N, C-alpha and C. Protein backbone atom coordinates (compact mmCIF):
# COMPACT_ATOMS: atom_id res chain seq x y z
N MET A 1 -45.48 -28.78 -40.23
CA MET A 1 -46.27 -27.64 -40.54
C MET A 1 -47.66 -27.85 -39.94
N THR A 2 -48.15 -26.81 -39.34
CA THR A 2 -49.47 -26.93 -38.71
C THR A 2 -50.54 -26.33 -39.62
N THR A 3 -51.65 -26.92 -39.56
CA THR A 3 -52.78 -26.42 -40.35
C THR A 3 -53.48 -25.35 -39.53
N PRO A 4 -53.72 -24.19 -40.14
CA PRO A 4 -54.40 -23.15 -39.36
C PRO A 4 -55.82 -23.58 -39.04
N THR A 5 -56.24 -23.20 -37.86
CA THR A 5 -57.60 -23.53 -37.46
C THR A 5 -58.54 -22.46 -38.01
N PRO A 6 -59.65 -22.87 -38.51
CA PRO A 6 -60.58 -21.88 -39.06
C PRO A 6 -61.15 -21.00 -37.95
N ASP A 7 -61.46 -19.77 -38.35
CA ASP A 7 -62.10 -18.86 -37.41
C ASP A 7 -63.45 -19.42 -37.03
N PRO A 8 -63.84 -19.18 -35.79
CA PRO A 8 -65.17 -19.65 -35.41
C PRO A 8 -66.23 -18.97 -36.29
N ALA A 9 -67.33 -19.64 -36.48
CA ALA A 9 -68.40 -19.08 -37.30
C ALA A 9 -68.86 -17.76 -36.69
N PRO A 10 -69.02 -16.76 -37.53
CA PRO A 10 -69.47 -15.47 -36.99
C PRO A 10 -70.89 -15.59 -36.45
N ALA A 11 -71.15 -14.78 -35.45
CA ALA A 11 -72.50 -14.77 -34.88
C ALA A 11 -73.48 -14.38 -35.97
N ALA A 12 -74.64 -14.96 -35.94
CA ALA A 12 -75.64 -14.65 -36.95
C ALA A 12 -76.00 -13.18 -36.87
N ALA A 13 -75.80 -12.51 -37.96
CA ALA A 13 -76.14 -11.08 -38.01
C ALA A 13 -77.64 -10.95 -38.19
N SER A 14 -78.18 -9.91 -37.59
CA SER A 14 -79.61 -9.69 -37.78
C SER A 14 -79.82 -9.24 -39.22
N PRO A 15 -80.89 -9.68 -39.82
CA PRO A 15 -81.11 -9.33 -41.22
C PRO A 15 -81.26 -7.82 -41.38
N ALA A 16 -80.76 -7.31 -42.48
CA ALA A 16 -80.88 -5.88 -42.77
C ALA A 16 -82.35 -5.57 -43.04
N PRO A 17 -82.79 -4.40 -42.62
CA PRO A 17 -84.18 -4.07 -42.90
C PRO A 17 -84.41 -4.01 -44.41
N ALA A 18 -85.60 -4.41 -44.81
CA ALA A 18 -85.94 -4.38 -46.24
C ALA A 18 -85.93 -2.93 -46.72
N PRO A 19 -85.47 -2.71 -47.94
CA PRO A 19 -85.50 -1.35 -48.46
C PRO A 19 -86.94 -0.88 -48.60
N ARG A 20 -87.15 0.42 -48.48
CA ARG A 20 -88.48 1.01 -48.62
C ARG A 20 -88.54 1.74 -49.95
N TYR A 21 -89.63 1.58 -50.66
CA TYR A 21 -89.80 2.24 -51.94
C TYR A 21 -90.90 3.29 -51.90
N ASP A 22 -91.36 3.63 -50.71
CA ASP A 22 -92.44 4.59 -50.57
C ASP A 22 -92.03 5.85 -49.83
N LEU A 23 -90.76 5.99 -49.53
CA LEU A 23 -90.32 7.12 -48.71
C LEU A 23 -89.71 8.22 -49.57
N PRO A 24 -90.12 9.45 -49.33
CA PRO A 24 -89.51 10.56 -50.06
C PRO A 24 -88.09 10.80 -49.57
N GLU A 25 -87.33 11.49 -50.38
CA GLU A 25 -85.97 11.88 -50.00
C GLU A 25 -85.91 13.40 -50.01
N PRO A 26 -86.36 14.02 -48.92
CA PRO A 26 -86.37 15.49 -48.87
C PRO A 26 -84.98 16.07 -49.04
N ASP A 27 -84.93 17.23 -49.67
CA ASP A 27 -83.69 17.99 -49.78
C ASP A 27 -83.99 19.42 -49.35
N ALA A 28 -83.03 20.30 -49.46
CA ALA A 28 -83.22 21.68 -48.99
C ALA A 28 -84.38 22.36 -49.72
N PHE A 29 -84.56 22.07 -51.00
CA PHE A 29 -85.63 22.69 -51.77
C PHE A 29 -87.00 22.17 -51.35
N THR A 30 -87.16 20.86 -51.16
CA THR A 30 -88.47 20.29 -50.85
C THR A 30 -88.80 20.25 -49.36
N ARG A 31 -87.85 20.62 -48.50
CA ARG A 31 -88.07 20.57 -47.06
C ARG A 31 -89.33 21.32 -46.64
N PRO A 32 -89.65 22.53 -47.17
CA PRO A 32 -90.90 23.20 -46.76
C PRO A 32 -92.15 22.36 -47.06
N TYR A 33 -92.13 21.63 -48.18
CA TYR A 33 -93.26 20.77 -48.54
C TYR A 33 -93.48 19.70 -47.48
N TRP A 34 -92.39 19.01 -47.10
CA TRP A 34 -92.50 17.92 -46.14
C TRP A 34 -92.77 18.43 -44.74
N ASP A 35 -92.24 19.59 -44.38
CA ASP A 35 -92.55 20.18 -43.07
C ASP A 35 -94.03 20.54 -42.97
N ALA A 36 -94.59 21.10 -44.06
CA ALA A 36 -96.01 21.44 -44.07
C ALA A 36 -96.85 20.18 -43.98
N ALA A 37 -96.45 19.13 -44.70
CA ALA A 37 -97.19 17.86 -44.65
C ALA A 37 -97.23 17.32 -43.23
N ALA A 38 -96.13 17.44 -42.50
CA ALA A 38 -96.08 16.97 -41.11
C ALA A 38 -97.08 17.73 -40.23
N GLU A 39 -97.42 18.95 -40.64
CA GLU A 39 -98.39 19.76 -39.90
C GLU A 39 -99.80 19.63 -40.47
N GLY A 40 -99.98 18.76 -41.49
CA GLY A 40 -101.30 18.54 -42.06
C GLY A 40 -101.70 19.50 -43.15
N HIS A 41 -100.72 20.08 -43.85
CA HIS A 41 -101.01 21.03 -44.92
C HIS A 41 -100.34 20.58 -46.21
N LEU A 42 -101.05 20.74 -47.32
CA LEU A 42 -100.51 20.44 -48.64
C LEU A 42 -100.03 21.73 -49.27
N LEU A 43 -98.79 21.73 -49.73
CA LEU A 43 -98.24 22.90 -50.43
C LEU A 43 -98.11 22.61 -51.91
N LEU A 44 -98.28 23.67 -52.69
CA LEU A 44 -98.04 23.64 -54.13
C LEU A 44 -97.07 24.76 -54.45
N ARG A 45 -96.53 24.75 -55.64
CA ARG A 45 -95.73 25.87 -56.12
C ARG A 45 -96.63 26.71 -57.01
N GLY A 46 -96.61 28.02 -56.79
CA GLY A 46 -97.42 28.94 -57.58
C GLY A 46 -96.54 29.94 -58.29
N CYS A 47 -96.89 30.26 -59.52
CA CYS A 47 -96.10 31.19 -60.34
C CYS A 47 -96.66 32.60 -60.17
N ARG A 48 -95.79 33.53 -59.86
CA ARG A 48 -96.19 34.94 -59.72
C ARG A 48 -96.37 35.60 -61.08
N ASP A 49 -95.80 35.04 -62.14
CA ASP A 49 -95.93 35.64 -63.47
C ASP A 49 -97.21 35.23 -64.17
N CYS A 50 -97.48 33.92 -64.28
CA CYS A 50 -98.68 33.48 -65.02
C CYS A 50 -99.83 33.12 -64.09
N GLY A 51 -99.57 33.04 -62.78
CA GLY A 51 -100.63 32.79 -61.81
C GLY A 51 -101.07 31.34 -61.69
N ARG A 52 -100.37 30.42 -62.33
CA ARG A 52 -100.77 29.01 -62.28
C ARG A 52 -99.97 28.25 -61.23
N ALA A 53 -100.65 27.28 -60.62
CA ALA A 53 -100.00 26.41 -59.63
C ALA A 53 -99.51 25.16 -60.34
N HIS A 54 -98.51 24.51 -59.76
CA HIS A 54 -98.05 23.24 -60.31
C HIS A 54 -97.62 22.29 -59.20
N HIS A 55 -97.64 21.04 -59.56
CA HIS A 55 -97.21 19.96 -58.66
C HIS A 55 -96.67 18.87 -59.57
N TYR A 56 -95.61 18.34 -59.34
CA TYR A 56 -94.69 18.23 -58.25
C TYR A 56 -93.86 19.52 -58.13
N PRO A 57 -93.27 19.78 -56.97
CA PRO A 57 -92.53 21.02 -56.76
C PRO A 57 -91.31 21.14 -57.67
N ARG A 58 -91.22 22.28 -58.35
CA ARG A 58 -90.07 22.62 -59.19
C ARG A 58 -89.65 24.04 -58.91
N GLU A 59 -88.44 24.37 -59.24
CA GLU A 59 -87.92 25.71 -58.98
C GLU A 59 -88.28 26.70 -60.07
N PHE A 60 -89.01 26.24 -61.09
CA PHE A 60 -89.45 27.10 -62.17
C PHE A 60 -90.88 26.71 -62.53
N CYS A 61 -91.58 27.57 -63.23
CA CYS A 61 -92.95 27.29 -63.65
C CYS A 61 -92.92 26.44 -64.93
N PRO A 62 -93.54 25.28 -64.93
CA PRO A 62 -93.55 24.46 -66.14
C PRO A 62 -94.49 25.00 -67.23
N HIS A 63 -95.27 26.04 -66.90
CA HIS A 63 -96.21 26.62 -67.87
C HIS A 63 -95.58 27.77 -68.64
N CYS A 64 -94.86 28.65 -67.94
CA CYS A 64 -94.28 29.83 -68.61
C CYS A 64 -92.77 29.93 -68.43
N TRP A 65 -92.19 29.00 -67.71
CA TRP A 65 -90.74 28.90 -67.46
C TRP A 65 -90.19 30.00 -66.55
N SER A 66 -91.07 30.74 -65.90
CA SER A 66 -90.61 31.76 -64.96
C SER A 66 -89.97 31.10 -63.74
N GLU A 67 -88.99 31.78 -63.19
CA GLU A 67 -88.38 31.33 -61.95
C GLU A 67 -88.98 32.06 -60.75
N ASP A 68 -90.00 32.89 -60.98
CA ASP A 68 -90.65 33.64 -59.91
C ASP A 68 -91.80 32.81 -59.34
N VAL A 69 -91.44 31.74 -58.63
CA VAL A 69 -92.43 30.84 -58.05
C VAL A 69 -92.25 30.81 -56.53
N GLU A 70 -93.32 30.47 -55.85
CA GLU A 70 -93.29 30.42 -54.39
C GLU A 70 -94.17 29.30 -53.89
N TRP A 71 -93.96 28.92 -52.63
CA TRP A 71 -94.82 27.91 -52.00
C TRP A 71 -96.15 28.54 -51.67
N GLU A 72 -97.23 27.80 -51.94
CA GLU A 72 -98.58 28.25 -51.61
C GLU A 72 -99.31 27.11 -50.90
N ARG A 73 -100.10 27.46 -49.92
CA ARG A 73 -100.89 26.44 -49.22
C ARG A 73 -102.12 26.09 -50.07
N ALA A 74 -102.30 24.82 -50.36
CA ALA A 74 -103.43 24.35 -51.14
C ALA A 74 -104.65 24.19 -50.24
N SER A 75 -105.82 24.18 -50.84
CA SER A 75 -107.06 24.03 -50.08
C SER A 75 -107.22 22.61 -49.54
N GLY A 76 -106.58 21.64 -50.21
CA GLY A 76 -106.74 20.26 -49.81
C GLY A 76 -107.92 19.58 -50.49
N ARG A 77 -108.65 20.31 -51.34
CA ARG A 77 -109.78 19.75 -52.06
C ARG A 77 -109.33 19.21 -53.42
N ALA A 78 -109.96 18.13 -53.85
CA ALA A 78 -109.63 17.53 -55.14
C ALA A 78 -110.82 16.73 -55.64
N THR A 79 -110.77 16.36 -56.91
CA THR A 79 -111.74 15.42 -57.47
C THR A 79 -110.97 14.26 -58.09
N LEU A 80 -111.60 13.11 -58.05
CA LEU A 80 -110.96 11.91 -58.58
C LEU A 80 -110.98 11.94 -60.10
N TYR A 81 -109.80 11.85 -60.70
CA TYR A 81 -109.67 11.84 -62.16
C TYR A 81 -109.68 10.40 -62.69
N THR A 82 -108.86 9.54 -62.08
CA THR A 82 -108.82 8.13 -62.45
C THR A 82 -108.18 7.34 -61.32
N TRP A 83 -108.33 6.03 -61.35
CA TRP A 83 -107.76 5.18 -60.31
C TRP A 83 -107.55 3.78 -60.81
N SER A 84 -106.79 3.03 -60.05
CA SER A 84 -106.59 1.60 -60.29
C SER A 84 -106.44 0.94 -58.94
N VAL A 85 -107.10 -0.18 -58.75
CA VAL A 85 -106.95 -0.94 -57.51
C VAL A 85 -105.78 -1.90 -57.70
N VAL A 86 -104.78 -1.77 -56.85
CA VAL A 86 -103.59 -2.59 -56.93
C VAL A 86 -103.78 -3.80 -56.01
N HIS A 87 -103.71 -4.98 -56.60
CA HIS A 87 -103.91 -6.21 -55.84
C HIS A 87 -102.60 -6.95 -55.57
N ARG A 88 -101.55 -6.57 -56.30
CA ARG A 88 -100.26 -7.21 -56.07
C ARG A 88 -99.15 -6.19 -56.30
N ASN A 89 -98.25 -6.12 -55.34
CA ASN A 89 -97.07 -5.27 -55.45
C ASN A 89 -96.02 -5.89 -54.56
N ASP A 90 -94.93 -6.30 -55.15
CA ASP A 90 -93.89 -7.00 -54.40
C ASP A 90 -92.87 -6.06 -53.74
N LEU A 91 -92.95 -4.76 -54.02
CA LEU A 91 -91.99 -3.84 -53.42
C LEU A 91 -92.40 -3.49 -52.00
N PRO A 92 -91.43 -3.57 -51.06
CA PRO A 92 -91.76 -3.20 -49.68
C PRO A 92 -92.02 -1.69 -49.57
N PRO A 93 -92.97 -1.27 -48.82
CA PRO A 93 -93.93 -2.00 -47.99
C PRO A 93 -95.28 -2.18 -48.67
N PHE A 94 -95.35 -1.94 -49.98
CA PHE A 94 -96.64 -1.97 -50.67
C PHE A 94 -97.35 -3.31 -50.57
N GLY A 95 -96.58 -4.40 -50.54
CA GLY A 95 -97.20 -5.72 -50.45
C GLY A 95 -98.09 -5.88 -49.24
N GLY A 96 -97.74 -5.19 -48.14
CA GLY A 96 -98.56 -5.26 -46.93
C GLY A 96 -99.78 -4.37 -46.98
N ARG A 97 -99.90 -3.56 -48.01
CA ARG A 97 -101.03 -2.63 -48.13
C ARG A 97 -102.10 -3.09 -49.12
N VAL A 98 -101.79 -4.11 -49.91
CA VAL A 98 -102.74 -4.51 -50.95
C VAL A 98 -104.01 -5.07 -50.33
N PRO A 99 -105.17 -4.88 -50.95
CA PRO A 99 -105.34 -4.01 -52.11
C PRO A 99 -105.37 -2.54 -51.68
N TYR A 100 -104.87 -1.67 -52.56
CA TYR A 100 -104.94 -0.23 -52.31
C TYR A 100 -105.29 0.47 -53.60
N VAL A 101 -105.73 1.71 -53.48
CA VAL A 101 -106.19 2.48 -54.64
C VAL A 101 -105.14 3.50 -55.01
N ALA A 102 -104.45 3.24 -56.13
CA ALA A 102 -103.55 4.23 -56.72
C ALA A 102 -104.41 5.15 -57.57
N ALA A 103 -104.19 6.45 -57.46
CA ALA A 103 -105.10 7.39 -58.11
C ALA A 103 -104.38 8.61 -58.66
N VAL A 104 -105.08 9.29 -59.55
CA VAL A 104 -104.70 10.61 -60.02
C VAL A 104 -105.89 11.50 -59.67
N VAL A 105 -105.59 12.62 -59.01
CA VAL A 105 -106.64 13.56 -58.62
C VAL A 105 -106.38 14.92 -59.24
N ASP A 106 -107.46 15.64 -59.49
CA ASP A 106 -107.37 17.03 -59.94
C ASP A 106 -107.52 17.91 -58.71
N LEU A 107 -106.46 18.61 -58.34
CA LEU A 107 -106.51 19.51 -57.20
C LEU A 107 -107.36 20.72 -57.55
N ALA A 108 -108.03 21.30 -56.57
CA ALA A 108 -108.89 22.46 -56.78
C ALA A 108 -108.11 23.61 -57.42
N GLU A 109 -106.81 23.67 -57.16
CA GLU A 109 -105.98 24.75 -57.69
C GLU A 109 -105.53 24.51 -59.13
N GLY A 110 -105.86 23.33 -59.68
CA GLY A 110 -105.54 23.07 -61.08
C GLY A 110 -104.64 21.89 -61.38
N PRO A 111 -103.54 21.70 -60.65
CA PRO A 111 -102.64 20.60 -61.00
C PRO A 111 -103.25 19.23 -60.77
N ARG A 112 -102.73 18.26 -61.50
CA ARG A 112 -103.05 16.85 -61.25
C ARG A 112 -101.95 16.28 -60.38
N MET A 113 -102.34 15.33 -59.54
CA MET A 113 -101.40 14.75 -58.58
C MET A 113 -101.62 13.25 -58.49
N MET A 114 -100.52 12.49 -58.56
CA MET A 114 -100.59 11.05 -58.29
C MET A 114 -100.62 10.87 -56.79
N THR A 115 -101.45 9.94 -56.32
CA THR A 115 -101.64 9.77 -54.89
C THR A 115 -102.29 8.41 -54.61
N GLN A 116 -102.89 8.32 -53.47
CA GLN A 116 -103.63 7.13 -53.09
C GLN A 116 -104.94 7.59 -52.48
N VAL A 117 -106.03 6.85 -52.74
CA VAL A 117 -107.31 7.12 -52.10
C VAL A 117 -107.45 6.11 -50.96
N VAL A 118 -107.78 6.62 -49.79
CA VAL A 118 -107.92 5.79 -48.60
C VAL A 118 -109.33 5.95 -48.03
N GLU A 119 -109.69 5.06 -47.11
CA GLU A 119 -110.97 5.14 -46.41
C GLU A 119 -112.17 5.13 -47.35
N CYS A 120 -112.06 4.34 -48.43
CA CYS A 120 -113.14 4.28 -49.41
C CYS A 120 -113.15 2.90 -50.05
N GLU A 121 -114.32 2.28 -50.08
CA GLU A 121 -114.46 0.99 -50.74
C GLU A 121 -114.36 1.17 -52.25
N GLU A 122 -113.80 0.18 -52.91
CA GLU A 122 -113.65 0.24 -54.36
C GLU A 122 -114.99 0.50 -55.04
N SER A 123 -116.05 -0.11 -54.56
CA SER A 123 -117.38 0.04 -55.17
C SER A 123 -117.91 1.47 -55.06
N GLU A 124 -117.35 2.28 -54.17
CA GLU A 124 -117.81 3.66 -53.99
C GLU A 124 -117.04 4.65 -54.84
N LEU A 125 -115.95 4.22 -55.47
CA LEU A 125 -115.13 5.13 -56.28
C LEU A 125 -115.88 5.54 -57.55
N ALA A 126 -115.78 6.82 -57.89
CA ALA A 126 -116.41 7.32 -59.12
C ALA A 126 -115.62 8.53 -59.60
N ILE A 127 -115.40 8.59 -60.89
CA ILE A 127 -114.72 9.75 -61.47
C ILE A 127 -115.51 11.00 -61.09
N GLY A 128 -114.79 12.01 -60.65
CA GLY A 128 -115.41 13.27 -60.26
C GLY A 128 -115.80 13.34 -58.80
N MET A 129 -115.63 12.25 -58.04
CA MET A 129 -116.01 12.31 -56.63
C MET A 129 -115.11 13.31 -55.89
N GLU A 130 -115.69 13.98 -54.92
CA GLU A 130 -114.98 15.00 -54.15
C GLU A 130 -114.11 14.33 -53.10
N LEU A 131 -112.87 14.80 -53.00
CA LEU A 131 -111.90 14.25 -52.06
C LEU A 131 -111.29 15.36 -51.23
N ARG A 132 -110.73 14.97 -50.09
CA ARG A 132 -109.98 15.90 -49.22
C ARG A 132 -108.66 15.24 -48.89
N VAL A 133 -107.65 16.06 -48.75
CA VAL A 133 -106.32 15.54 -48.40
C VAL A 133 -106.30 15.10 -46.94
N THR A 134 -105.56 14.07 -46.69
CA THR A 134 -105.21 13.61 -45.35
C THR A 134 -103.77 13.15 -45.48
N PHE A 135 -103.17 12.74 -44.40
CA PHE A 135 -101.74 12.40 -44.47
C PHE A 135 -101.48 11.07 -43.80
N ARG A 136 -100.75 10.21 -44.50
CA ARG A 136 -100.31 8.94 -43.92
C ARG A 136 -99.00 9.23 -43.20
N GLN A 137 -98.97 8.90 -41.92
CA GLN A 137 -97.79 9.16 -41.11
C GLN A 137 -97.36 7.89 -40.42
N GLU A 138 -96.15 7.47 -40.68
CA GLU A 138 -95.56 6.33 -39.99
C GLU A 138 -94.39 6.84 -39.16
N GLU A 139 -94.18 6.22 -38.04
CA GLU A 139 -93.12 6.65 -37.14
C GLU A 139 -91.77 6.70 -37.86
N GLY A 140 -91.09 7.82 -37.72
CA GLY A 140 -89.77 7.98 -38.31
C GLY A 140 -89.77 8.26 -39.80
N CYS A 141 -90.96 8.48 -40.39
CA CYS A 141 -91.06 8.73 -41.83
C CYS A 141 -91.77 10.06 -42.07
N GLU A 142 -91.58 10.59 -43.26
CA GLU A 142 -92.27 11.83 -43.64
C GLU A 142 -93.76 11.55 -43.77
N ALA A 143 -94.59 12.55 -43.48
CA ALA A 143 -96.02 12.46 -43.72
C ALA A 143 -96.25 12.57 -45.22
N VAL A 144 -97.06 11.68 -45.76
CA VAL A 144 -97.30 11.63 -47.21
C VAL A 144 -98.77 11.96 -47.48
N PRO A 145 -99.03 12.92 -48.40
CA PRO A 145 -100.42 13.25 -48.69
C PRO A 145 -101.13 12.13 -49.45
N VAL A 146 -102.31 11.78 -48.96
CA VAL A 146 -103.22 10.84 -49.61
C VAL A 146 -104.59 11.50 -49.54
N PHE A 147 -105.58 10.92 -50.21
CA PHE A 147 -106.90 11.56 -50.24
C PHE A 147 -107.97 10.57 -49.81
N ARG A 148 -109.03 11.13 -49.21
CA ARG A 148 -110.20 10.34 -48.81
C ARG A 148 -111.44 11.09 -49.27
N PRO A 149 -112.58 10.41 -49.33
CA PRO A 149 -113.81 11.11 -49.74
C PRO A 149 -114.10 12.28 -48.80
N SER A 150 -114.57 13.38 -49.38
CA SER A 150 -114.97 14.54 -48.58
C SER A 150 -116.18 14.17 -47.74
N PRO A 151 -116.20 14.63 -46.49
CA PRO A 151 -117.38 14.35 -45.65
C PRO A 151 -118.64 14.92 -46.29
N GLY A 152 -119.67 14.09 -46.39
CA GLY A 152 -120.95 14.54 -46.94
C GLY A 152 -120.96 14.74 -48.44
N ALA A 153 -119.89 14.39 -49.13
CA ALA A 153 -119.83 14.60 -50.58
C ALA A 153 -120.77 13.66 -51.30
N GLN A 154 -121.37 14.15 -52.34
CA GLN A 154 -122.22 13.33 -53.20
C GLN A 154 -121.32 12.48 -54.09
N ILE A 155 -121.65 11.21 -54.22
CA ILE A 155 -120.90 10.35 -55.13
C ILE A 155 -121.54 10.49 -56.51
N PRO A 156 -120.74 10.91 -57.52
CA PRO A 156 -121.32 11.10 -58.86
C PRO A 156 -121.93 9.80 -59.39
N GLU A 157 -122.96 9.95 -60.20
CA GLU A 157 -123.58 8.78 -60.83
C GLU A 157 -122.64 8.25 -61.89
N ARG A 158 -122.66 6.95 -62.05
CA ARG A 158 -121.79 6.32 -63.05
C ARG A 158 -122.46 6.25 -64.39
């Protein structure tokens, strides 16, 4: 009886790319939002019944439950509500971005939005500071809205 010869060692496979935890998963409903972001515009959902805007995008109004909602172009203006400087995050690709400013902003149209503040030193951050939307764009990825200080904006006193 002969002993079977083992198969040669397989060629070293290239490592699989690390999973990303910062990428949106657009669907048919949110596609207009992501398409507008790619063009440098922030969209919100606005209710035709109660007149209030909301974010994140939903197919109904979270204020009055109406289904008569539509996409509206936001001004892109906001004020800083709160923030935290993240110094450690092990999820890809956040680890390569630390430190970064995770924030909640009050959009001029009313809704609050979780986001990131960019192009601003931690020492310059102040509740109520005026911000403008900009978009982080990486090759092959959706443009993601982030905020930076408004040009010429006064930094509120602490």
